[in-house]
Amino acid sequence: MPKLHPYEEQLDPLGFFQHGHPSRERVLEWFGLSESQAREIRKITPRDGPGLEPQDSLIAQLAYLANAVTMALAADSSKAHQWFLTRNPLLGDVAPLDMIKLGRIYRLETWIENARRDASD
């Protein structure tokens, strides 16, 4: 397997991607989700990414969100994991993982992107 460029490693601190594709097993394990939960989330999540199968799109989104939060927390994967499990008053007192399970992944993604943008301003 070719070694990732250092910039790519920075974008994937959790090491989910291999050859440009997220490892389904690693992503689901990190989030503590089963295959059946992933299928259910996919059914209730409204849209897909371009050129991806629906399940691949979900896995790519989850990998992106986990990596984005991990990078925002100084590459501390345990803090990032805990963040997804903890109820957040800024998200309506719902845990981010619960938002994902409720099919609100795009709303969560928008919130994370806005928070990262606000932090960099």
N, C-alpha and C. Protein backbone atom coordinates (compact mmCIF):
# COMPACT_ATOMS: atom_id res chain seq x y z
N MET A 1 0.85 -1.18 0.00
CA MET A 1 0.00 0.00 0.00
C MET A 1 0.89 1.24 0.00
N PRO A 2 0.61 2.19 -0.90
CA PRO A 2 1.43 3.40 -0.94
C PRO A 2 1.22 4.25 0.30
N LYS A 3 2.29 4.88 0.75
CA LYS A 3 2.22 5.75 1.92
C LYS A 3 1.50 7.03 1.54
N LEU A 4 0.66 7.50 2.45
CA LEU A 4 -0.06 8.75 2.22
C LEU A 4 0.90 9.93 2.29
N HIS A 5 0.63 10.92 1.50
CA HIS A 5 1.35 12.19 1.58
C HIS A 5 1.03 12.79 2.95
N PRO A 6 1.99 13.47 3.59
CA PRO A 6 1.72 14.05 4.93
C PRO A 6 0.46 14.91 4.98
N TYR A 7 0.15 15.64 3.90
CA TYR A 7 -1.06 16.46 3.90
C TYR A 7 -2.29 15.57 3.98
N GLU A 8 -2.29 14.44 3.26
CA GLU A 8 -3.43 13.53 3.31
C GLU A 8 -3.58 12.93 4.70
N GLU A 9 -2.45 12.61 5.35
CA GLU A 9 -2.51 12.08 6.71
C GLU A 9 -3.15 13.10 7.65
N GLN A 10 -2.87 14.37 7.45
CA GLN A 10 -3.47 15.41 8.29
C GLN A 10 -4.97 15.46 8.10
N LEU A 11 -5.45 15.16 6.89
CA LEU A 11 -6.88 15.20 6.61
C LEU A 11 -7.59 13.93 7.07
N ASP A 12 -6.82 12.90 7.40
CA ASP A 12 -7.38 11.63 7.83
C ASP A 12 -6.67 11.15 9.10
N PRO A 13 -6.77 11.93 10.19
CA PRO A 13 -6.03 11.55 11.40
C PRO A 13 -6.48 10.21 11.99
N LEU A 14 -7.68 9.77 11.66
CA LEU A 14 -8.18 8.50 12.18
C LEU A 14 -7.79 7.32 11.29
N GLY A 15 -7.18 7.60 10.15
CA GLY A 15 -6.71 6.53 9.27
C GLY A 15 -7.81 5.69 8.66
N PHE A 16 -8.94 6.31 8.34
CA PHE A 16 -10.07 5.60 7.76
C PHE A 16 -9.87 5.25 6.29
N PHE A 17 -9.11 6.06 5.56
CA PHE A 17 -9.03 5.92 4.12
C PHE A 17 -7.85 5.06 3.67
N GLN A 18 -8.14 4.20 2.70
CA GLN A 18 -7.11 3.40 2.05
C GLN A 18 -7.39 3.48 0.56
N HIS A 19 -6.37 3.89 -0.19
CA HIS A 19 -6.50 4.03 -1.64
C HIS A 19 -7.66 4.95 -2.01
N GLY A 20 -7.87 5.97 -1.22
CA GLY A 20 -8.90 6.96 -1.52
C GLY A 20 -10.30 6.60 -1.10
N HIS A 21 -10.48 5.45 -0.46
CA HIS A 21 -11.82 5.02 -0.05
C HIS A 21 -11.83 4.73 1.45
N PRO A 22 -12.91 5.10 2.13
CA PRO A 22 -12.98 4.83 3.57
C PRO A 22 -13.19 3.34 3.84
N SER A 23 -12.58 2.85 4.89
CA SER A 23 -12.79 1.47 5.32
C SER A 23 -14.12 1.39 6.06
N ARG A 24 -15.07 0.73 5.46
CA ARG A 24 -16.41 0.60 6.03
C ARG A 24 -16.35 0.04 7.46
N GLU A 25 -15.59 -1.02 7.63
CA GLU A 25 -15.51 -1.67 8.94
C GLU A 25 -14.94 -0.73 10.00
N ARG A 26 -13.87 -0.02 9.66
CA ARG A 26 -13.24 0.87 10.64
C ARG A 26 -14.16 2.03 11.01
N VAL A 27 -14.84 2.59 10.02
CA VAL A 27 -15.74 3.72 10.29
C VAL A 27 -16.90 3.28 11.18
N LEU A 28 -17.54 2.17 10.82
CA LEU A 28 -18.66 1.70 11.62
C LEU A 28 -18.22 1.33 13.03
N GLU A 29 -17.05 0.71 13.15
CA GLU A 29 -16.53 0.35 14.47
C GLU A 29 -16.26 1.61 15.31
N TRP A 30 -15.67 2.64 14.70
CA TRP A 30 -15.36 3.87 15.43
C TRP A 30 -16.63 4.50 16.00
N PHE A 31 -17.69 4.48 15.20
CA PHE A 31 -18.97 5.06 15.64
C PHE A 31 -19.79 4.08 16.49
N GLY A 32 -19.37 2.82 16.54
CA GLY A 32 -20.13 1.83 17.30
C GLY A 32 -21.43 1.46 16.64
N LEU A 33 -21.43 1.48 15.31
CA LEU A 33 -22.64 1.16 14.54
C LEU A 33 -22.53 -0.21 13.90
N SER A 34 -23.64 -0.89 13.83
CA SER A 34 -23.70 -2.18 13.14
C SER A 34 -24.07 -1.95 11.68
N GLU A 35 -23.93 -2.99 10.88
CA GLU A 35 -24.34 -2.91 9.47
C GLU A 35 -25.83 -2.60 9.36
N SER A 36 -26.64 -3.22 10.21
CA SER A 36 -28.09 -2.97 10.13
C SER A 36 -28.42 -1.53 10.53
N GLN A 37 -27.70 -1.00 11.52
CA GLN A 37 -27.92 0.41 11.88
C GLN A 37 -27.53 1.32 10.72
N ALA A 38 -26.42 1.01 10.06
CA ALA A 38 -25.98 1.81 8.91
C ALA A 38 -27.03 1.77 7.80
N ARG A 39 -27.59 0.60 7.55
CA ARG A 39 -28.64 0.51 6.51
C ARG A 39 -29.85 1.35 6.90
N GLU A 40 -30.23 1.30 8.16
CA GLU A 40 -31.39 2.08 8.63
C GLU A 40 -31.12 3.58 8.53
N ILE A 41 -29.93 4.00 8.92
CA ILE A 41 -29.55 5.42 8.81
C ILE A 41 -29.62 5.85 7.35
N ARG A 42 -29.10 5.01 6.47
CA ARG A 42 -29.09 5.32 5.04
C ARG A 42 -30.51 5.50 4.52
N LYS A 43 -31.43 4.67 4.97
CA LYS A 43 -32.82 4.75 4.52
C LYS A 43 -33.47 6.08 4.89
N ILE A 44 -33.11 6.63 6.06
CA ILE A 44 -33.78 7.84 6.52
C ILE A 44 -32.97 9.11 6.26
N THR A 45 -31.78 8.95 5.66
CA THR A 45 -30.95 10.12 5.33
C THR A 45 -31.30 10.56 3.92
N PRO A 46 -31.60 11.84 3.71
CA PRO A 46 -32.22 12.30 2.47
C PRO A 46 -31.43 12.26 1.16
N ARG A 47 -30.10 12.39 1.13
CA ARG A 47 -29.44 12.48 -0.18
C ARG A 47 -28.10 11.78 -0.17
N ASP A 48 -27.53 11.60 -1.36
CA ASP A 48 -26.25 10.92 -1.53
C ASP A 48 -25.22 11.86 -2.12
N GLY A 49 -23.98 11.47 -1.98
CA GLY A 49 -22.91 12.21 -2.64
C GLY A 49 -22.83 11.82 -4.10
N PRO A 50 -22.19 12.64 -4.93
CA PRO A 50 -22.11 12.34 -6.36
C PRO A 50 -21.25 11.11 -6.63
N GLY A 51 -21.76 10.22 -7.46
CA GLY A 51 -20.99 9.08 -7.92
C GLY A 51 -20.73 8.00 -6.89
N LEU A 52 -21.43 8.03 -5.78
CA LEU A 52 -21.23 7.01 -4.76
C LEU A 52 -22.49 6.19 -4.58
N GLU A 53 -22.30 4.92 -4.26
CA GLU A 53 -23.44 4.10 -3.87
C GLU A 53 -23.96 4.65 -2.55
N PRO A 54 -25.25 4.53 -2.27
CA PRO A 54 -25.80 5.11 -1.05
C PRO A 54 -25.05 4.75 0.23
N GLN A 55 -24.71 3.48 0.42
CA GLN A 55 -24.00 3.09 1.64
C GLN A 55 -22.59 3.66 1.66
N ASP A 56 -21.92 3.70 0.50
CA ASP A 56 -20.57 4.28 0.44
C ASP A 56 -20.62 5.76 0.77
N SER A 57 -21.66 6.44 0.31
CA SER A 57 -21.82 7.85 0.61
C SER A 57 -21.95 8.07 2.11
N LEU A 58 -22.74 7.25 2.77
CA LEU A 58 -22.91 7.37 4.22
C LEU A 58 -21.58 7.15 4.93
N ILE A 59 -20.85 6.13 4.54
CA ILE A 59 -19.57 5.81 5.18
C ILE A 59 -18.58 6.95 4.97
N ALA A 60 -18.55 7.51 3.75
CA ALA A 60 -17.65 8.63 3.47
C ALA A 60 -18.03 9.84 4.31
N GLN A 61 -19.32 10.10 4.47
CA GLN A 61 -19.77 11.23 5.30
C GLN A 61 -19.38 11.03 6.75
N LEU A 62 -19.59 9.84 7.26
CA LEU A 62 -19.23 9.56 8.64
C LEU A 62 -17.73 9.71 8.86
N ALA A 63 -16.93 9.22 7.92
CA ALA A 63 -15.47 9.35 8.02
C ALA A 63 -15.08 10.82 8.00
N TYR A 64 -15.70 11.59 7.11
CA TYR A 64 -15.40 13.02 7.04
C TYR A 64 -15.73 13.71 8.36
N LEU A 65 -16.92 13.44 8.91
CA LEU A 65 -17.33 14.09 10.16
C LEU A 65 -16.40 13.72 11.32
N ALA A 66 -16.08 12.45 11.43
CA ALA A 66 -15.20 12.01 12.52
C ALA A 66 -13.82 12.66 12.39
N ASN A 67 -13.28 12.70 11.17
CA ASN A 67 -11.98 13.33 10.95
C ASN A 67 -12.03 14.84 11.21
N ALA A 68 -13.11 15.50 10.79
CA ALA A 68 -13.23 16.94 10.98
C ALA A 68 -13.25 17.29 12.47
N VAL A 69 -14.02 16.54 13.25
CA VAL A 69 -14.10 16.80 14.68
C VAL A 69 -12.76 16.46 15.34
N THR A 70 -12.14 15.38 14.92
CA THR A 70 -10.84 15.00 15.48
C THR A 70 -9.80 16.09 15.22
N MET A 71 -9.78 16.63 14.00
CA MET A 71 -8.83 17.70 13.68
C MET A 71 -9.13 18.94 14.51
N ALA A 72 -10.40 19.24 14.72
CA ALA A 72 -10.76 20.42 15.52
C ALA A 72 -10.36 20.26 16.98
N LEU A 73 -10.23 19.02 17.43
CA LEU A 73 -9.84 18.74 18.81
C LEU A 73 -8.38 18.32 18.90
N ALA A 74 -7.55 18.94 18.10
CA ALA A 74 -6.09 18.72 18.11
C ALA A 74 -5.70 17.26 17.93
N ALA A 75 -6.42 16.57 17.03
CA ALA A 75 -6.14 15.18 16.67
C ALA A 75 -6.29 14.22 17.85
N ASP A 76 -7.13 14.58 18.81
CA ASP A 76 -7.38 13.70 19.96
C ASP A 76 -8.62 12.85 19.65
N SER A 77 -8.37 11.63 19.21
CA SER A 77 -9.48 10.77 18.77
C SER A 77 -10.41 10.39 19.91
N SER A 78 -9.89 10.24 21.12
CA SER A 78 -10.78 9.88 22.24
C SER A 78 -11.72 11.03 22.58
N LYS A 79 -11.23 12.26 22.53
CA LYS A 79 -12.10 13.42 22.77
C LYS A 79 -13.15 13.54 21.66
N ALA A 80 -12.73 13.29 20.42
CA ALA A 80 -13.66 13.36 19.30
C ALA A 80 -14.75 12.30 19.45
N HIS A 81 -14.34 11.10 19.80
CA HIS A 81 -15.31 10.02 19.98
C HIS A 81 -16.30 10.38 21.08
N GLN A 82 -15.80 10.90 22.18
CA GLN A 82 -16.67 11.30 23.29
C GLN A 82 -17.62 12.42 22.86
N TRP A 83 -17.14 13.34 22.02
CA TRP A 83 -17.97 14.44 21.55
C TRP A 83 -19.20 13.90 20.82
N PHE A 84 -19.03 12.86 20.01
CA PHE A 84 -20.16 12.29 19.27
C PHE A 84 -21.16 11.61 20.20
N LEU A 85 -20.74 11.21 21.39
CA LEU A 85 -21.61 10.48 22.31
C LEU A 85 -22.31 11.38 23.33
N THR A 86 -21.83 12.62 23.46
CA THR A 86 -22.31 13.51 24.52
C THR A 86 -23.40 14.45 24.01
N ARG A 87 -24.47 14.55 24.79
CA ARG A 87 -25.55 15.49 24.43
C ARG A 87 -24.97 16.90 24.40
N ASN A 88 -25.38 17.64 23.37
CA ASN A 88 -24.83 18.96 23.15
C ASN A 88 -25.96 19.98 23.12
N PRO A 89 -25.96 20.96 24.04
CA PRO A 89 -27.03 21.95 24.06
C PRO A 89 -27.10 22.79 22.77
N LEU A 90 -25.98 22.94 22.09
CA LEU A 90 -25.97 23.70 20.84
C LEU A 90 -26.62 22.93 19.69
N LEU A 91 -26.84 21.65 19.90
CA LEU A 91 -27.49 20.81 18.88
C LEU A 91 -28.89 20.40 19.34
N GLY A 92 -29.48 21.19 20.21
CA GLY A 92 -30.82 20.88 20.72
C GLY A 92 -30.80 19.84 21.81
N ASP A 93 -29.69 19.78 22.55
CA ASP A 93 -29.51 18.83 23.65
C ASP A 93 -29.59 17.38 23.17
N VAL A 94 -29.05 17.16 21.98
CA VAL A 94 -28.99 15.82 21.37
C VAL A 94 -27.52 15.50 21.12
N ALA A 95 -27.15 14.24 21.31
CA ALA A 95 -25.79 13.82 21.01
C ALA A 95 -25.62 13.75 19.49
N PRO A 96 -24.46 14.14 18.97
CA PRO A 96 -24.22 14.07 17.53
C PRO A 96 -24.48 12.68 16.93
N LEU A 97 -24.10 11.63 17.65
CA LEU A 97 -24.36 10.28 17.13
C LEU A 97 -25.86 10.02 17.02
N ASP A 98 -26.63 10.55 17.96
CA ASP A 98 -28.09 10.39 17.88
C ASP A 98 -28.64 11.16 16.67
N MET A 99 -28.06 12.30 16.36
CA MET A 99 -28.49 13.03 15.16
C MET A 99 -28.26 12.17 13.92
N ILE A 100 -27.12 11.51 13.86
CA ILE A 100 -26.80 10.63 12.74
C ILE A 100 -27.83 9.51 12.66
N LYS A 101 -28.11 8.89 13.79
CA LYS A 101 -29.07 7.78 13.83
C LYS A 101 -30.48 8.22 13.44
N LEU A 102 -30.78 9.51 13.63
CA LEU A 102 -32.09 10.04 13.26
C LEU A 102 -32.15 10.54 11.82
N GLY A 103 -31.05 10.33 11.08
CA GLY A 103 -31.02 10.75 9.67
C GLY A 103 -30.73 12.22 9.49
N ARG A 104 -30.20 12.88 10.51
CA ARG A 104 -29.93 14.33 10.44
C ARG A 104 -28.44 14.60 10.22
N ILE A 105 -27.80 13.73 9.45
CA ILE A 105 -26.36 13.83 9.24
C ILE A 105 -25.99 15.12 8.50
N TYR A 106 -26.82 15.57 7.56
CA TYR A 106 -26.49 16.79 6.81
C TYR A 106 -26.60 18.02 7.70
N ARG A 107 -27.57 18.01 8.60
CA ARG A 107 -27.69 19.12 9.55
C ARG A 107 -26.47 19.16 10.47
N LEU A 108 -26.03 17.99 10.92
CA LEU A 108 -24.83 17.90 11.76
C LEU A 108 -23.60 18.34 10.98
N GLU A 109 -23.49 17.90 9.75
CA GLU A 109 -22.35 18.29 8.91
C GLU A 109 -22.29 19.81 8.73
N THR A 110 -23.43 20.43 8.49
CA THR A 110 -23.49 21.88 8.35
C THR A 110 -23.07 22.56 9.64
N TRP A 111 -23.53 22.05 10.77
CA TRP A 111 -23.18 22.63 12.07
C TRP A 111 -21.67 22.53 12.30
N ILE A 112 -21.08 21.36 12.03
CA ILE A 112 -19.65 21.16 12.22
C ILE A 112 -18.85 22.08 11.31
N GLU A 113 -19.24 22.16 10.04
CA GLU A 113 -18.53 23.04 9.11
C GLU A 113 -18.60 24.51 9.54
N ASN A 114 -19.77 24.94 9.98
CA ASN A 114 -19.92 26.32 10.46
C ASN A 114 -19.08 26.57 11.71
N ALA A 115 -19.05 25.62 12.62
CA ALA A 115 -18.25 25.78 13.84
C ALA A 115 -16.77 25.84 13.50
N ARG A 116 -16.32 25.02 12.57
CA ARG A 116 -14.90 25.04 12.18
C ARG A 116 -14.56 26.35 11.48
N ARG A 117 -15.47 26.83 10.65
CA ARG A 117 -15.25 28.11 9.95
C ARG A 117 -15.20 29.26 10.96
N ASP A 118 -16.13 29.26 11.91
CA ASP A 118 -16.15 30.32 12.94
C ASP A 118 -14.88 30.30 13.79
N ALA A 119 -14.37 29.11 14.06
CA ALA A 119 -13.15 28.98 14.88
C ALA A 119 -11.92 29.46 14.14
N SER A 120 -11.94 29.39 12.81
CA SER A 120 -10.77 29.81 12.03
C SER A 120 -10.80 31.30 11.68
N ASP A 121 -11.94 31.94 11.90
CA ASP A 121 -12.04 33.38 11.60
C ASP A 121 -11.40 34.25 12.66
